[in-house]
Protein backbone atom coordinates (compact mmCIF):
# COMPACT_ATOMS: atom_id res chain seq x y z
CA UNK A 1 -8.35 15.58 6.86
CA UNK A 2 -10.98 14.93 9.48
CA UNK A 3 -12.38 11.46 10.31
CA UNK A 4 -15.35 10.67 8.09
CA UNK A 5 -18.16 8.15 8.07
CA UNK A 6 -19.26 7.08 4.63
CA UNK A 7 -21.17 4.50 2.67
CA UNK A 8 -19.01 1.87 1.01
CA UNK A 9 -19.59 -0.43 -1.94
CA UNK A 10 -17.99 -3.88 -2.24
CA UNK A 11 -16.00 -5.03 -5.25
CA UNK A 12 -15.25 -8.68 -4.39
CA UNK A 13 -12.62 -9.16 -7.10
CA UNK A 14 -8.93 -9.85 -6.47
CA UNK A 15 -6.02 -8.51 -8.52
CA UNK A 16 -7.92 -5.52 -9.92
CA UNK A 17 -5.28 -3.93 -12.12
CA UNK A 18 -4.91 -0.35 -13.22
CA UNK A 19 -6.07 -1.12 -16.77
CA UNK A 20 -9.37 -2.26 -15.30
CA UNK A 21 -9.57 0.82 -13.08
CA UNK A 22 -8.93 3.13 -16.04
CA UNK A 23 -8.48 1.51 -19.48
CA UNK A 24 -5.44 2.62 -21.49
CA UNK A 25 -7.49 4.35 -24.19
CA UNK A 26 -8.50 7.01 -21.64
CA UNK A 27 -4.92 7.95 -20.73
CA UNK A 28 -4.49 10.64 -23.37
CA UNK A 29 -5.18 13.43 -20.90
CA UNK A 30 -2.84 14.83 -18.28
CA UNK A 31 -5.71 16.51 -16.45
CA UNK A 32 -6.65 15.08 -13.07
CA UNK A 33 -10.33 15.89 -13.47
CA UNK A 34 -12.95 14.25 -15.64
CA UNK A 35 -11.76 10.64 -15.45
CA UNK A 36 -14.50 9.44 -13.11
CA UNK A 37 -16.81 8.76 -16.04
CA UNK A 38 -14.24 6.34 -17.48
CA UNK A 39 -13.40 4.49 -14.27
CA UNK A 40 -14.01 0.72 -14.60
CA UNK A 41 -15.44 1.52 -18.02
CA UNK A 42 -15.26 -1.99 -19.45
CA UNK A 43 -17.09 -3.37 -16.42
CA UNK A 44 -19.58 -0.52 -16.01
CA UNK A 45 -20.83 -0.54 -19.61
CA UNK A 46 -21.95 -3.10 -22.12
CA UNK A 47 -20.50 -3.25 -25.62
CA UNK A 48 -23.29 -0.99 -26.90
CA UNK A 49 -22.46 1.67 -24.28
CA UNK A 50 -25.44 1.02 -22.04
CA UNK A 51 -24.81 0.64 -18.28
CA UNK A 52 -24.22 -2.90 -17.06
CA UNK A 53 -26.88 -3.27 -14.34
CA UNK A 54 -25.01 -6.10 -12.62
CA UNK A 55 -21.87 -4.05 -11.93
CA UNK A 56 -21.69 -2.68 -8.42
CA UNK A 57 -21.15 0.95 -9.45
CA UNK A 58 -24.46 0.87 -11.32
CA UNK A 59 -26.51 -0.39 -8.37
CA UNK A 60 -28.82 1.92 -6.37
CA UNK A 61 -26.94 4.04 -3.83
CA UNK A 62 -23.53 3.49 -5.40
CA UNK A 63 -23.36 7.10 -6.53
CA UNK A 64 -23.26 8.20 -2.87
CA UNK A 65 -20.44 5.85 -1.84
CA UNK A 66 -17.15 7.42 -0.78
CA UNK A 67 -15.32 4.18 0.02
CA UNK A 68 -14.60 1.18 -2.20
CA UNK A 69 -13.94 -2.18 -0.54
CA UNK A 70 -12.06 -4.42 -2.95
CA UNK A 71 -10.34 -7.81 -3.07
CA UNK A 72 -6.67 -8.47 -2.38
CA UNK A 73 -3.85 -6.93 -4.46
CA UNK A 74 -5.80 -3.91 -5.63
CA UNK A 75 -4.08 -1.61 -8.13
CA UNK A 76 -1.61 -4.08 -9.60
CA UNK A 77 -0.36 -3.68 -13.16
CA UNK A 78 1.08 -0.55 -14.75
CA UNK A 79 2.04 2.52 -12.76
CA UNK A 80 -0.44 4.97 -14.26
CA UNK A 81 -1.31 7.85 -11.94
CA UNK A 82 -4.62 8.12 -13.77
CA UNK A 83 -5.93 5.22 -11.66
CA UNK A 84 -6.30 7.20 -8.41
CA UNK A 85 -7.43 10.23 -10.46
CA UNK A 86 -10.29 8.12 -11.85
CA UNK A 87 -11.26 6.78 -8.42
CA UNK A 88 -11.26 10.28 -6.97
CA UNK A 89 -13.38 11.34 -9.93
CA UNK A 90 -15.98 8.82 -8.79
CA UNK A 91 -16.17 10.65 -5.47
CA UNK A 92 -14.17 8.04 -3.57
CA UNK A 93 -12.05 9.11 -0.61
CA UNK A 94 -10.62 5.72 0.37
CA UNK A 95 -10.11 2.20 -0.94
CA UNK A 96 -10.10 -0.72 1.48
CA UNK A 97 -8.30 -3.97 0.71
CA UNK A 98 -6.10 -6.61 2.33
CA UNK A 99 -3.23 -5.63 0.02
CA UNK A 100 -2.27 -2.95 -2.49
CA UNK A 101 0.31 -2.77 -5.24
CA UNK A 102 3.11 -0.52 -3.99
CA UNK A 103 3.09 1.90 -6.94
CA UNK A 104 -0.68 2.30 -6.79
CA UNK A 105 -0.51 2.91 -3.05
CA UNK A 106 2.12 5.64 -3.49
CA UNK A 107 0.18 7.28 -6.32
CA UNK A 108 -2.99 7.19 -4.26
CA UNK A 109 -1.35 8.85 -1.27
CA UNK A 110 0.18 11.57 -3.44
CA UNK A 111 -3.27 12.43 -4.77
CA UNK A 112 -5.28 12.33 -1.54
CA UNK A 113 -6.86 8.86 -1.87
CA UNK A 114 -6.43 6.80 1.32
CA UNK A 115 -5.40 3.14 0.83
CA UNK A 116 -6.76 1.36 3.93
CA UNK A 117 -5.10 -2.02 4.33
CA UNK A 118 -6.83 -4.44 6.72
CA UNK A 119 -6.61 -8.17 7.39
CA UNK A 120 -8.32 -10.71 5.17
CA UNK A 121 -10.87 -11.73 7.81
CA UNK A 122 -12.30 -8.24 8.27
CA UNK A 123 -12.17 -7.63 4.52
CA UNK A 124 -14.25 -10.76 3.93
CA UNK A 125 -16.89 -9.42 6.31
CA UNK A 126 -17.03 -6.03 4.61
CA UNK A 127 -17.32 -7.60 1.17
CA UNK A 128 -20.77 -8.82 2.21
CA UNK A 129 -21.83 -5.12 2.21
CA UNK A 130 -22.69 -2.46 1.21
CA UNK A 131 -22.66 -0.59 4.49
CA UNK A 132 -20.90 2.24 6.27
CA UNK A 133 -17.43 2.61 7.76
CA UNK A 134 -15.57 5.35 9.58
CA UNK A 135 -12.05 6.20 8.45
CA UNK A 136 -9.85 8.08 10.92
CA UNK A 137 -6.55 8.98 9.28
CA UNK A 138 -5.11 10.60 12.40
CA UNK A 139 -5.61 7.42 14.44
CA UNK A 140 -5.10 5.19 11.38
CA UNK A 141 -8.26 3.24 12.11
CA UNK A 142 -11.18 1.89 10.14
CA UNK A 143 -14.33 1.22 12.18
CA UNK A 144 -17.34 -0.70 10.95
CA UNK A 145 -20.95 0.13 11.76
CA UNK A 146 -20.84 -2.80 14.21
CA UNK A 147 -18.06 -1.09 16.17
CA UNK A 148 -15.24 -3.33 14.99
CA UNK A 149 -12.06 -1.25 14.67
CA UNK A 150 -8.84 -2.08 12.87
CA UNK A 151 -5.54 -0.23 12.50
CA UNK A 152 -4.08 0.37 9.05
CA UNK A 153 -0.52 1.33 8.10
CA UNK A 154 0.40 4.53 6.31
CA UNK A 155 3.63 6.29 5.39
CA UNK A 156 4.30 9.01 8.03
CA UNK A 157 5.19 11.70 5.49
CA UNK A 158 2.12 10.96 3.38
CA UNK A 159 -0.01 11.04 6.53
CA UNK A 160 1.41 14.46 7.44
CA UNK A 161 0.62 15.82 3.97
CA UNK A 162 -2.92 14.44 3.98
CA UNK A 163 -3.71 15.71 7.46
CA UNK A 164 -2.44 19.16 6.55
CA UNK A 165 -3.99 19.19 3.07
CA UNK A 166 -0.71 19.72 1.23
CA UNK A 167 1.02 17.77 -1.51
CA UNK A 168 4.76 17.14 -1.71
CA UNK A 169 5.38 20.41 -3.53
CA UNK A 170 3.30 22.30 -1.01
CA UNK A 171 5.31 20.75 1.81
CA UNK A 172 8.57 21.91 0.21
CA UNK A 173 7.22 25.40 -0.40
CA UNK A 174 6.19 25.66 3.25
CA UNK A 175 9.89 25.35 4.10
CA UNK A 176 10.97 27.99 1.59
CA UNK A 177 12.36 30.43 4.21
CA UNK A 178 14.55 27.73 5.75
CA UNK A 179 15.73 26.60 2.31
CA UNK A 180 16.66 30.14 1.31
CA UNK A 181 18.50 30.66 4.60
CA UNK A 182 20.44 27.43 4.10
CA UNK A 183 21.40 28.47 0.57
CA UNK A 184 22.52 31.89 1.85
CA UNK A 185 24.74 30.34 4.53
CA UNK A 186 26.09 27.73 2.10
CA UNK A 187 26.96 30.42 -0.47
CA UNK A 188 28.72 32.49 2.18
CA UNK A 189 30.65 29.43 3.35
CA UNK A 190 31.71 28.53 -0.20
CA UNK A 191 32.85 32.09 -0.90
CA UNK A 192 34.89 32.13 2.32
CA UNK A 193 36.53 28.83 1.35
CA UNK A 194 37.39 30.15 -2.10
CA UNK A 195 38.88 33.34 -0.63
CA UNK A 196 41.09 31.32 1.71
CA UNK A 197 42.32 29.18 -1.16
CA UNK A 198 43.17 32.27 -3.23
CA UNK A 199 45.08 33.78 -0.26
CA UNK A 200 47.11 30.60 0.27
CA UNK A 201 47.96 30.36 -3.41
């Protein structure tokens, strides 16, 4: 994953839970695609199904945003993996906040969505957006259009997978020759141990 510069949209709401990101009635599918249309559904649409013009995702330019900047404790609530699926379906590549729920963060990383955690002061500045930011996963930095740069933490294994465009299964499969060789040596060792025990008996 190369560094990217993208437009962001602000969502100045704290404690956005996964039921707000993707309401429970849309969880019937196990497909990762197609959930973008249902993301933030109860905020994006009025009761009659018409778009809510005051919600940030319905404002001009929002459709081009690849980064969401949200309030503290983003992704709290239930552990549904559909939440990052829905955000990815919106075209988002990263979510910026001063704090994420642990389960949401892990689900996001597994699915290629970068949770960028920054301090509250910088977050407050970004929430005055929209604007643009540059996300550099390799250096673990977020840089604003004003040149302000901040480091963000990320799990080393998740970082490796994202940089190499593999998921956990892909990582394991890339080590298939070593795994097979280990199993071969282990089987040979076990057989030798069994033969020695039979001889002694």
